[in-house]
Amino acid sequence: MGLEQIKHTAKLANLPLTESELKRFAVQVSEIVEFNIGHIEKIVTKNVQATAHTLGVKNRVRADETRPGFATKEALQNAKATHQSFFKVKAILDFSADKESE
């Protein structure tokens, strides 16, 4: 995994890493991946039948049904920031390119 991928992953995970930590993690992750790929490549699968699922279980999920939820006040009581009856969060989408094309 390259340095740019480590930076991107750290940003997504909101991890404030120093440049030296980023470089160290890039090396460590690459070593881990190479080590494990090396082991996986040694596994003989010539006579193993392909499977989509190892347990034979098909879509075991609960029924999709409505049920009571939290009241708005209760849902927002521990929120860091709110606006009217909504959670207020930092923007994660940048629409500046859309505005330029209008």
PDB file of N, CA and C in Angstrom:
ATOM      1  N   MET A   1       0.867  -1.174   0.000  1.00  0.00           N
ATOM      2  CA  MET A   1       0.000   0.000   0.000  1.00  0.00           C
ATOM      3  C   MET A   1       0.903   1.223   0.000  1.00  0.00           C
ATOM      4  N   GLY A   2       0.649   2.118  -0.911  1.00  0.00           N
ATOM      5  CA  GLY A   2       1.487   3.294  -1.050  1.00  0.00           C
ATOM      6  C   GLY A   2       1.153   4.385  -0.052  1.00  0.00           C
ATOM      7  N   LEU A   3       2.017   5.359  -0.006  1.00  0.00           N
ATOM      8  CA  LEU A   3       1.869   6.473   0.930  1.00  0.00           C
ATOM      9  C   LEU A   3       0.560   7.229   0.702  1.00  0.00           C
ATOM     10  N   GLU A   4       0.192   7.435  -0.557  1.00  0.00           N
ATOM     11  CA  GLU A   4      -1.051   8.164  -0.855  1.00  0.00           C
ATOM     12  C   GLU A   4      -2.272   7.401  -0.340  1.00  0.00           C
ATOM     13  N   GLN A   5      -2.257   6.074  -0.464  1.00  0.00           N
ATOM     14  CA  GLN A   5      -3.370   5.269   0.041  1.00  0.00           C
ATOM     15  C   GLN A   5      -3.448   5.337   1.565  1.00  0.00           C
ATOM     16  N   ILE A   6      -2.302   5.337   2.210  1.00  0.00           N
ATOM     17  CA  ILE A   6      -2.270   5.459   3.672  1.00  0.00           C
ATOM     18  C   ILE A   6      -2.811   6.826   4.086  1.00  0.00           C
ATOM     19  N   LYS A   7      -2.399   7.887   3.391  1.00  0.00           N
ATOM     20  CA  LYS A   7      -2.909   9.230   3.695  1.00  0.00           C
ATOM     21  C   LYS A   7      -4.424   9.281   3.518  1.00  0.00           C
ATOM     22  N   HIS A   8      -4.903   8.699   2.428  1.00  0.00           N
ATOM     23  CA  HIS A   8      -6.341   8.700   2.145  1.00  0.00           C
ATOM     24  C   HIS A   8      -7.106   7.933   3.230  1.00  0.00           C
ATOM     25  N   THR A   9      -6.596   6.771   3.604  1.00  0.00           N
ATOM     26  CA  THR A   9      -7.240   5.961   4.642  1.00  0.00           C
ATOM     27  C   THR A   9      -7.233   6.692   5.978  1.00  0.00           C
ATOM     28  N   ALA A  10      -6.127   7.325   6.315  1.00  0.00           N
ATOM     29  CA  ALA A  10      -6.034   8.084   7.569  1.00  0.00           C
ATOM     30  C   ALA A  10      -7.033   9.231   7.572  1.00  0.00           C
ATOM     31  N   LYS A  11      -7.181   9.889   6.430  1.00  0.00           N
ATOM     32  CA  LYS A  11      -8.144  10.990   6.331  1.00  0.00           C
ATOM     33  C   LYS A  11      -9.567  10.475   6.519  1.00  0.00           C
ATOM     34  N   LEU A  12      -9.895   9.351   5.863  1.00  0.00           N
ATOM     35  CA  LEU A  12     -11.234   8.777   6.003  1.00  0.00           C
ATOM     36  C   LEU A  12     -11.522   8.360   7.445  1.00  0.00           C
ATOM     37  N   ALA A  13     -10.494   7.857   8.124  1.00  0.00           N
ATOM     38  CA  ALA A  13     -10.647   7.416   9.513  1.00  0.00           C
ATOM     39  C   ALA A  13     -10.460   8.556  10.502  1.00  0.00           C
ATOM     40  N   ASN A  14     -10.206   9.760   9.999  1.00  0.00           N
ATOM     41  CA  ASN A  14      -9.999  10.940  10.831  1.00  0.00           C
ATOM     42  C   ASN A  14      -8.856  10.718  11.828  1.00  0.00           C
ATOM     43  N   LEU A  15      -7.750  10.168  11.310  1.00  0.00           N
ATOM     44  CA  LEU A  15      -6.570   9.923  12.132  1.00  0.00           C
ATOM     45  C   LEU A  15      -5.511  10.980  11.829  1.00  0.00           C
ATOM     46  N   PRO A  16      -5.197  11.833  12.786  1.00  0.00           N
ATOM     47  CA  PRO A  16      -4.179  12.860  12.561  1.00  0.00           C
ATOM     48  C   PRO A  16      -2.776  12.265  12.701  1.00  0.00           C
ATOM     49  N   LEU A  17      -2.218  11.762  11.590  1.00  0.00           N
ATOM     50  CA  LEU A  17      -0.908  11.122  11.629  1.00  0.00           C
ATOM     51  C   LEU A  17       0.170  12.075  11.119  1.00  0.00           C
ATOM     52  N   THR A  18       1.347  11.964  11.722  1.00  0.00           N
ATOM     53  CA  THR A  18       2.482  12.761  11.256  1.00  0.00           C
ATOM     54  C   THR A  18       3.035  12.137   9.977  1.00  0.00           C
ATOM     55  N   GLU A  19       3.889  12.878   9.296  1.00  0.00           N
ATOM     56  CA  GLU A  19       4.493  12.372   8.052  1.00  0.00           C
ATOM     57  C   GLU A  19       5.304  11.107   8.320  1.00  0.00           C
ATOM     58  N   SER A  20       6.026  11.072   9.444  1.00  0.00           N
ATOM     59  CA  SER A  20       6.833   9.881   9.759  1.00  0.00           C
ATOM     60  C   SER A  20       5.938   8.682  10.074  1.00  0.00           C
ATOM     61  N   GLU A  21       4.814   8.916  10.745  1.00  0.00           N
ATOM     62  CA  GLU A  21       3.877   7.822  11.017  1.00  0.00           C
ATOM     63  C   GLU A  21       3.273   7.295   9.720  1.00  0.00           C
ATOM     64  N   LEU A  22       2.925   8.196   8.818  1.00  0.00           N
ATOM     65  CA  LEU A  22       2.367   7.783   7.527  1.00  0.00           C
ATOM     66  C   LEU A  22       3.359   6.904   6.768  1.00  0.00           C
ATOM     67  N   LYS A  23       4.627   7.320   6.742  1.00  0.00           N
ATOM     68  CA  LYS A  23       5.655   6.541   6.042  1.00  0.00           C
ATOM     69  C   LYS A  23       5.848   5.177   6.697  1.00  0.00           C
ATOM     70  N   ARG A  24       5.887   5.162   8.030  1.00  0.00           N
ATOM     71  CA  ARG A  24       6.072   3.900   8.752  1.00  0.00           C
ATOM     72  C   ARG A  24       4.908   2.953   8.489  1.00  0.00           C
ATOM     73  N   PHE A  25       3.675   3.471   8.536  1.00  0.00           N
ATOM     74  CA  PHE A  25       2.505   2.629   8.297  1.00  0.00           C
ATOM     75  C   PHE A  25       2.464   2.121   6.858  1.00  0.00           C
ATOM     76  N   ALA A  26       2.899   2.932   5.904  1.00  0.00           N
ATOM     77  CA  ALA A  26       2.931   2.488   4.506  1.00  0.00           C
ATOM     78  C   ALA A  26       3.845   1.273   4.364  1.00  0.00           C
ATOM     79  N   VAL A  27       5.012   1.331   5.004  1.00  0.00           N
ATOM     80  CA  VAL A  27       5.951   0.207   4.964  1.00  0.00           C
ATOM     81  C   VAL A  27       5.349  -1.005   5.671  1.00  0.00           C
ATOM     82  N   GLN A  28       4.791  -0.805   6.856  1.00  0.00           N
ATOM     83  CA  GLN A  28       4.239  -1.913   7.626  1.00  0.00           C
ATOM     84  C   GLN A  28       3.076  -2.591   6.907  1.00  0.00           C
ATOM     85  N   VAL A  29       2.168  -1.808   6.354  1.00  0.00           N
ATOM     86  CA  VAL A  29       1.016  -2.388   5.654  1.00  0.00           C
ATOM     87  C   VAL A  29       1.485  -3.159   4.424  1.00  0.00           C
ATOM     88  N   SER A  30       2.445  -2.616   3.696  1.00  0.00           N
ATOM     89  CA  SER A  30       2.981  -3.314   2.524  1.00  0.00           C
ATOM     90  C   SER A  30       3.600  -4.652   2.921  1.00  0.00           C
ATOM     91  N   GLU A  31       4.358  -4.661   4.011  1.00  0.00           N
ATOM     92  CA  GLU A  31       4.969  -5.908   4.487  1.00  0.00           C
ATOM     93  C   GLU A  31       3.911  -6.923   4.889  1.00  0.00           C
ATOM     94  N   ILE A  32       2.877  -6.477   5.564  1.00  0.00           N
ATOM     95  CA  ILE A  32       1.800  -7.375   5.993  1.00  0.00           C
ATOM     96  C   ILE A  32       1.092  -7.974   4.783  1.00  0.00           C
ATOM     97  N   VAL A  33       0.760  -7.137   3.814  1.00  0.00           N
ATOM     98  CA  VAL A  33       0.061  -7.617   2.618  1.00  0.00           C
ATOM     99  C   VAL A  33       0.937  -8.601   1.850  1.00  0.00           C
ATOM    100  N   GLU A  34       2.206  -8.254   1.634  1.00  0.00           N
ATOM    101  CA  GLU A  34       3.112  -9.145   0.905  1.00  0.00           C
ATOM    102  C   GLU A  34       3.268 -10.478   1.626  1.00  0.00           C
ATOM    103  N   PHE A  35       3.410 -10.454   2.942  1.00  0.00           N
ATOM    104  CA  PHE A  35       3.551 -11.675   3.730  1.00  0.00           C
ATOM    105  C   PHE A  35       2.326 -12.562   3.560  1.00  0.00           C
ATOM    106  N   ASN A  36       1.132 -11.977   3.702  1.00  0.00           N
ATOM    107  CA  ASN A  36      -0.095 -12.762   3.620  1.00  0.00           C
ATOM    108  C   ASN A  36      -0.383 -13.242   2.209  1.00  0.00           C
ATOM    109  N   ILE A  37      -0.127 -12.427   1.207  1.00  0.00           N
ATOM    110  CA  ILE A  37      -0.317 -12.854  -0.182  1.00  0.00           C
ATOM    111  C   ILE A  37       0.616 -14.019  -0.483  1.00  0.00           C
ATOM    112  N   GLY A  38       1.840 -13.951   0.024  1.00  0.00           N
ATOM    113  CA  GLY A  38       2.791 -15.047  -0.163  1.00  0.00           C
ATOM    114  C   GLY A  38       2.257 -16.352   0.393  1.00  0.00           C
ATOM    115  N   HIS A  39       1.645 -16.300   1.559  1.00  0.00           N
ATOM    116  CA  HIS A  39       1.067 -17.509   2.153  1.00  0.00           C
ATOM    117  C   HIS A  39      -0.152 -17.990   1.369  1.00  0.00           C
ATOM    118  N   ILE A  40      -0.982 -17.075   0.946  1.00  0.00           N
ATOM    119  CA  ILE A  40      -2.189 -17.443   0.196  1.00  0.00           C
ATOM    120  C   ILE A  40      -1.814 -18.090  -1.134  1.00  0.00           C
ATOM    121  N   GLU A  41      -0.787 -17.567  -1.787  1.00  0.00           N
ATOM    122  CA  GLU A  41      -0.361 -18.125  -3.073  1.00  0.00           C
ATOM    123  C   GLU A  41       0.143 -19.558  -2.947  1.00  0.00           C
ATOM    124  N   LYS A  42       0.595 -19.964  -1.767  1.00  0.00           N
ATOM    125  CA  LYS A  42       1.104 -21.321  -1.554  1.00  0.00           C
ATOM    126  C   LYS A  42      -0.008 -22.342  -1.328  1.00  0.00           C
ATOM    127  N   ILE A  43      -1.222 -21.888  -1.089  1.00  0.00           N
ATOM    128  CA  ILE A  43      -2.328 -22.803  -0.814  1.00  0.00           C
ATOM    129  C   ILE A  43      -2.736 -23.507  -2.103  1.00  0.00           C
ATOM    130  N   VAL A  44      -2.801 -24.830  -2.041  1.00  0.00           N
ATOM    131  CA  VAL A  44      -3.188 -25.620  -3.207  1.00  0.00           C
ATOM    132  C   VAL A  44      -4.714 -25.722  -3.238  1.00  0.00           C
ATOM    133  N   THR A  45      -5.311 -25.177  -4.289  1.00  0.00           N
ATOM    134  CA  THR A  45      -6.780 -25.180  -4.408  1.00  0.00           C
ATOM    135  C   THR A  45      -7.248 -25.895  -5.674  1.00  0.00           C
ATOM    136  N   LYS A  46      -6.373 -26.685  -6.252  1.00  0.00           N
ATOM    137  CA  LYS A  46      -6.677 -27.346  -7.522  1.00  0.00           C
ATOM    138  C   LYS A  46      -7.946 -28.193  -7.450  1.00  0.00           C
ATOM    139  N   ASN A  47      -8.126 -28.947  -6.389  1.00  0.00           N
ATOM    140  CA  ASN A  47      -9.279 -29.850  -6.278  1.00  0.00           C
ATOM    141  C   ASN A  47     -10.377 -29.317  -5.356  1.00  0.00           C
ATOM    142  N   VAL A  48     -10.384 -28.027  -5.120  1.00  0.00           N
ATOM    143  CA  VAL A  48     -11.396 -27.423  -4.250  1.00  0.00           C
ATOM    144  C   VAL A  48     -12.500 -26.838  -5.120  1.00  0.00           C
ATOM    145  N   GLN A  49     -13.738 -27.263  -4.833  1.00  0.00           N
ATOM    146  CA  GLN A  49     -14.875 -26.772  -5.606  1.00  0.00           C
ATOM    147  C   GLN A  49     -15.164 -25.315  -5.233  1.00  0.00           C
ATOM    148  N   ALA A  50     -15.448 -24.507  -6.242  1.00  0.00           N
ATOM    149  CA  ALA A  50     -15.764 -23.097  -6.008  1.00  0.00           C
ATOM    150  C   ALA A  50     -17.077 -22.972  -5.244  1.00  0.00           C
ATOM    151  N   THR A  51     -17.113 -22.053  -4.290  1.00  0.00           N
ATOM    152  CA  THR A  51     -18.331 -21.823  -3.516  1.00  0.00           C
ATOM    153  C   THR A  51     -18.603 -20.332  -3.427  1.00  0.00           C
ATOM    154  N   ALA A  52     -19.881 -20.005  -3.314  1.00  0.00           N
ATOM    155  CA  ALA A  52     -20.257 -18.606  -3.129  1.00  0.00           C
ATOM    156  C   ALA A  52     -20.366 -18.292  -1.647  1.00  0.00           C
ATOM    157  N   HIS A  53     -20.684 -19.325  -0.853  1.00  0.00           N
ATOM    158  CA  HIS A  53     -20.851 -19.139   0.587  1.00  0.00           C
ATOM    159  C   HIS A  53     -20.476 -20.442   1.269  1.00  0.00           C
ATOM    160  N   THR A  54     -19.689 -20.380   2.295  1.00  0.00           N
ATOM    161  CA  THR A  54     -19.192 -21.601   2.926  1.00  0.00           C
ATOM    162  C   THR A  54     -20.199 -22.290   3.832  1.00  0.00           C
ATOM    163  N   LEU A  55     -21.233 -21.596   4.269  1.00  0.00           N
ATOM    164  CA  LEU A  55     -22.182 -22.185   5.207  1.00  0.00           C
ATOM    165  C   LEU A  55     -23.487 -22.643   4.566  1.00  0.00           C
ATOM    166  N   GLY A  56     -23.719 -22.297   3.315  1.00  0.00           N
ATOM    167  CA  GLY A  56     -24.958 -22.691   2.658  1.00  0.00           C
ATOM    168  C   GLY A  56     -26.179 -21.951   3.172  1.00  0.00           C
ATOM    169  N   VAL A  57     -25.994 -20.829   3.822  1.00  0.00           N
ATOM    170  CA  VAL A  57     -27.098 -20.048   4.376  1.00  0.00           C
ATOM    171  C   VAL A  57     -27.545 -19.032   3.334  1.00  0.00           C
ATOM    172  N   LYS A  58     -28.856 -18.884   3.187  1.00  0.00           N
ATOM    173  CA  LYS A  58     -29.379 -17.930   2.209  1.00  0.00           C
ATOM    174  C   LYS A  58     -30.109 -16.791   2.906  1.00  0.00           C
ATOM    175  N   ASN A  59     -29.617 -15.589   2.754  1.00  0.00           N
ATOM    176  CA  ASN A  59     -30.279 -14.355   3.185  1.00  0.00           C
ATOM    177  C   ASN A  59     -31.066 -14.468   4.491  1.00  0.00           C
ATOM    178  N   ARG A  60     -30.389 -14.791   5.560  1.00  0.00           N
ATOM    179  CA  ARG A  60     -31.061 -14.854   6.860  1.00  0.00           C
ATOM    180  C   ARG A  60     -31.046 -13.472   7.485  1.00  0.00           C
ATOM    181  N   VAL A  61     -32.092 -12.715   7.207  1.00  0.00           N
ATOM    182  CA  VAL A  61     -32.224 -11.375   7.763  1.00  0.00           C
ATOM    183  C   VAL A  61     -33.603 -11.241   8.384  1.00  0.00           C
ATOM    184  N   ARG A  62     -33.748 -10.289   9.251  1.00  0.00           N
ATOM    185  CA  ARG A  62     -35.046 -10.084   9.885  1.00  0.00           C
ATOM    186  C   ARG A  62     -36.030  -9.491   8.896  1.00  0.00           C
ATOM    187  N   ALA A  63     -37.291  -9.647   9.182  1.00  0.00           N
ATOM    188  CA  ALA A  63     -38.336  -9.078   8.330  1.00  0.00           C
ATOM    189  C   ALA A  63     -38.239  -7.555   8.352  1.00  0.00           C
ATOM    190  N   ASP A  64     -38.530  -6.945   7.240  1.00  0.00           N
ATOM    191  CA  ASP A  64     -38.497  -5.491   7.128  1.00  0.00           C
ATOM    192  C   ASP A  64     -39.833  -4.948   7.612  1.00  0.00           C
ATOM    193  N   GLU A  65     -39.853  -4.511   8.843  1.00  0.00           N
ATOM    194  CA  GLU A  65     -41.105  -4.022   9.416  1.00  0.00           C
ATOM    195  C   GLU A  65     -40.854  -2.740  10.198  1.00  0.00           C
ATOM    196  N   THR A  66     -41.865  -1.907  10.271  1.00  0.00           N
ATOM    197  CA  THR A  66     -41.729  -0.657  11.018  1.00  0.00           C
ATOM    198  C   THR A  66     -41.845  -0.935  12.509  1.00  0.00           C
ATOM    199  N   ARG A  67     -41.182  -0.117  13.274  1.00  0.00           N
ATOM    200  CA  ARG A  67     -41.291  -0.208  14.730  1.00  0.00           C
ATOM    201  C   ARG A  67     -40.976   1.162  15.307  1.00  0.00           C
ATOM    202  N   PRO A  68     -41.416   1.418  16.513  1.00  0.00           N
ATOM    203  CA  PRO A  68     -41.212   2.751  17.094  1.00  0.00           C
ATOM    204  C   PRO A  68     -39.726   3.059  17.273  1.00  0.00           C
ATOM    205  N   GLY A  69     -39.385   4.333  17.080  1.00  0.00           N
ATOM    206  CA  GLY A  69     -38.003   4.774  17.247  1.00  0.00           C
ATOM    207  C   GLY A  69     -37.904   5.768  18.388  1.00  0.00           C
ATOM    208  N   PHE A  70     -36.820   6.511  18.402  1.00  0.00           N
ATOM    209  CA  PHE A  70     -36.617   7.519  19.426  1.00  0.00           C
ATOM    210  C   PHE A  70     -37.420   8.777  19.105  1.00  0.00           C
ATOM    211  N   ALA A  71     -37.813   9.484  20.130  1.00  0.00           N
ATOM    212  CA  ALA A  71     -38.376  10.815  19.942  1.00  0.00           C
ATOM    213  C   ALA A  71     -37.222  11.724  19.524  1.00  0.00           C
ATOM    214  N   THR A  72     -37.512  12.772  18.770  1.00  0.00           N
ATOM    215  CA  THR A  72     -36.467  13.666  18.269  1.00  0.00           C
ATOM    216  C   THR A  72     -35.591  14.191  19.399  1.00  0.00           C
ATOM    217  N   LYS A  73     -36.210  14.642  20.477  1.00  0.00           N
ATOM    218  CA  LYS A  73     -35.454  15.198  21.605  1.00  0.00           C
ATOM    219  C   LYS A  73     -34.499  14.151  22.176  1.00  0.00           C
ATOM    220  N   GLU A  74     -34.975  12.925  22.307  1.00  0.00           N
ATOM    221  CA  GLU A  74     -34.154  11.847  22.853  1.00  0.00           C
ATOM    222  C   GLU A  74     -32.999  11.496  21.902  1.00  0.00           C
ATOM    223  N   ALA A  75     -33.276  11.482  20.610  1.00  0.00           N
ATOM    224  CA  ALA A  75     -32.245  11.146  19.624  1.00  0.00           C
ATOM    225  C   ALA A  75     -31.141  12.197  19.588  1.00  0.00           C
ATOM    226  N   LEU A  76     -31.496  13.449  19.800  1.00  0.00           N
ATOM    227  CA  LEU A  76     -30.532  14.548  19.686  1.00  0.00           C
ATOM    228  C   LEU A  76     -29.855  14.927  21.003  1.00  0.00           C
ATOM    229  N   GLN A  77     -30.244  14.316  22.108  1.00  0.00           N
ATOM    230  CA  GLN A  77     -29.771  14.768  23.417  1.00  0.00           C
ATOM    231  C   GLN A  77     -28.251  14.695  23.587  1.00  0.00           C
ATOM    232  N   ASN A  78     -27.570  13.781  22.929  1.00  0.00           N
ATOM    233  CA  ASN A  78     -26.113  13.675  23.064  1.00  0.00           C
ATOM    234  C   ASN A  78     -25.364  14.195  21.845  1.00  0.00           C
ATOM    235  N   ALA A  79     -26.071  14.838  20.935  1.00  0.00           N
ATOM    236  CA  ALA A  79     -25.437  15.344  19.716  1.00  0.00           C
ATOM    237  C   ALA A  79     -24.483  16.483  20.045  1.00  0.00           C
ATOM    238  N   LYS A  80     -23.361  16.510  19.352  1.00  0.00           N
ATOM    239  CA  LYS A  80     -22.379  17.569  19.547  1.00  0.00           C
ATOM    240  C   LYS A  80     -22.949  18.909  19.094  1.00  0.00           C
ATOM    241  N   ALA A  81     -23.677  18.899  17.968  1.00  0.00           N
ATOM    242  CA  ALA A  81     -24.289  20.123  17.447  1.00  0.00           C
ATOM    243  C   ALA A  81     -25.589  19.764  16.736  1.00  0.00           C
ATOM    244  N   THR A  82     -26.587  20.647  16.860  1.00  0.00           N
ATOM    245  CA  THR A  82     -27.870  20.426  16.197  1.00  0.00           C
ATOM    246  C   THR A  82     -28.323  21.711  15.518  1.00  0.00           C
ATOM    247  N   HIS A  83     -29.255  21.563  14.595  1.00  0.00           N
ATOM    248  CA  HIS A  83     -29.905  22.692  13.937  1.00  0.00           C
ATOM    249  C   HIS A  83     -31.365  22.304  13.793  1.00  0.00           C
ATOM    250  N   GLN A  84     -32.235  23.037  14.459  1.00  0.00           N
ATOM    251  CA  GLN A  84     -33.661  22.710  14.520  1.00  0.00           C
ATOM    252  C   GLN A  84     -33.798  21.274  15.019  1.00  0.00           C
ATOM    253  N   SER A  85     -34.322  20.365  14.226  1.00  0.00           N
ATOM    254  CA  SER A  85     -34.474  18.985  14.704  1.00  0.00           C
ATOM    255  C   SER A  85     -33.546  18.033  13.958  1.00  0.00           C
ATOM    256  N   PHE A  86     -32.342  18.524  13.599  1.00  0.00           N
ATOM    257  CA  PHE A  86     -31.399  17.722  12.833  1.00  0.00           C
ATOM    258  C   PHE A  86     -30.038  17.689  13.508  1.00  0.00           C
ATOM    259  N   PHE A  87     -29.266  16.611  13.242  1.00  0.00           N
ATOM    260  CA  PHE A  87     -27.872  16.563  13.641  1.00  0.00           C
ATOM    261  C   PHE A  87     -27.110  17.512  12.732  1.00  0.00           C
ATOM    262  N   LYS A  88     -26.195  18.280  13.291  1.00  0.00           N
ATOM    263  CA  LYS A  88     -25.370  19.180  12.493  1.00  0.00           C
ATOM    264  C   LYS A  88     -23.973  18.575  12.422  1.00  0.00           C
ATOM    265  N   VAL A  89     -23.485  18.348  11.199  1.00  0.00           N
ATOM    266  CA  VAL A  89     -22.173  17.738  10.994  1.00  0.00           C
ATOM    267  C   VAL A  89     -21.376  18.560   9.990  1.00  0.00           C
ATOM    268  N   LYS A  90     -20.069  18.329   9.962  1.00  0.00           N
ATOM    269  CA  LYS A  90     -19.217  19.000   8.988  1.00  0.00           C
ATOM    270  C   LYS A  90     -19.585  18.513   7.592  1.00  0.00           C
ATOM    271  N   ALA A  91     -19.490  19.406   6.615  1.00  0.00           N
ATOM    272  CA  ALA A  91     -19.760  19.038   5.226  1.00  0.00           C
ATOM    273  C   ALA A  91     -18.700  18.057   4.741  1.00  0.00           C
ATOM    274  N   ILE A  92     -19.131  17.018   4.037  1.00  0.00           N
ATOM    275  CA  ILE A  92     -18.179  16.057   3.484  1.00  0.00           C
ATOM    276  C   ILE A  92     -18.194  16.061   1.962  1.00  0.00           C
ATOM    277  N   LEU A  93     -19.174  16.723   1.369  1.00  0.00           N
ATOM    278  CA  LEU A  93     -19.264  16.807  -0.084  1.00  0.00           C
ATOM    279  C   LEU A  93     -18.935  18.220  -0.525  1.00  0.00           C
ATOM    280  N   ASP A  94     -18.207  18.331  -1.600  1.00  0.00           N
ATOM    281  CA  ASP A  94     -17.817  19.635  -2.124  1.00  0.00           C
ATOM    282  C   ASP A  94     -18.570  19.884  -3.422  1.00  0.00           C
ATOM    283  N   PHE A  95     -19.487  20.832  -3.399  1.00  0.00           N
ATOM    284  CA  PHE A  95     -20.292  21.137  -4.573  1.00  0.00           C
ATOM    285  C   PHE A  95     -19.757  22.346  -5.336  1.00  0.00           C
ATOM    286  N   SER A  96     -18.550  22.799  -5.025  1.00  0.00           N
ATOM    287  CA  SER A  96     -18.011  23.989  -5.683  1.00  0.00           C
ATOM    288  C   SER A  96     -17.839  23.771  -7.185  1.00  0.00           C
ATOM    289  N   ALA A  97     -17.509  22.559  -7.615  1.00  0.00           N
ATOM    290  CA  ALA A  97     -17.359  22.273  -9.045  1.00  0.00           C
ATOM    291  C   ALA A  97     -18.700  22.394  -9.755  1.00  0.00           C
ATOM    292  N   ASP A  98     -19.793  21.997  -9.084  1.00  0.00           N
ATOM    293  CA  ASP A  98     -21.130  22.110  -9.668  1.00  0.00           C
ATOM    294  C   ASP A  98     -21.509  23.568  -9.878  1.00  0.00           C
ATOM    295  N   LYS A  99     -21.159  24.428  -8.939  1.00  0.00           N
ATOM    296  CA  LYS A  99     -21.507  25.848  -9.026  1.00  0.00           C
ATOM    297  C   LYS A  99     -20.742  26.539 -10.146  1.00  0.00           C
ATOM    298  N   GLU A 100     -19.503  26.096 -10.379  1.00  0.00           N
ATOM    299  CA  GLU A 100     -18.689  26.698 -11.434  1.00  0.00           C
ATOM    300  C   GLU A 100     -19.246  26.402 -12.819  1.00  0.00           C
ATOM    301  N   SER A 101     -19.882  25.231 -12.985  1.00  0.00           N
ATOM    302  CA  SER A 101     -20.381  24.850 -14.306  1.00  0.00           C
ATOM    303  C   SER A 101     -21.730  25.474 -14.619  1.00  0.00           C
ATOM    304  N   GLU A 102     -22.397  26.076 -13.641  1.00  0.00           N
ATOM    305  CA  GLU A 102     -23.715  26.681 -13.869  1.00  0.00           C
ATOM    306  C   GLU A 102     -23.606  28.002 -14.578  1.00  0.00           C
TER     307      GLU A 102
END
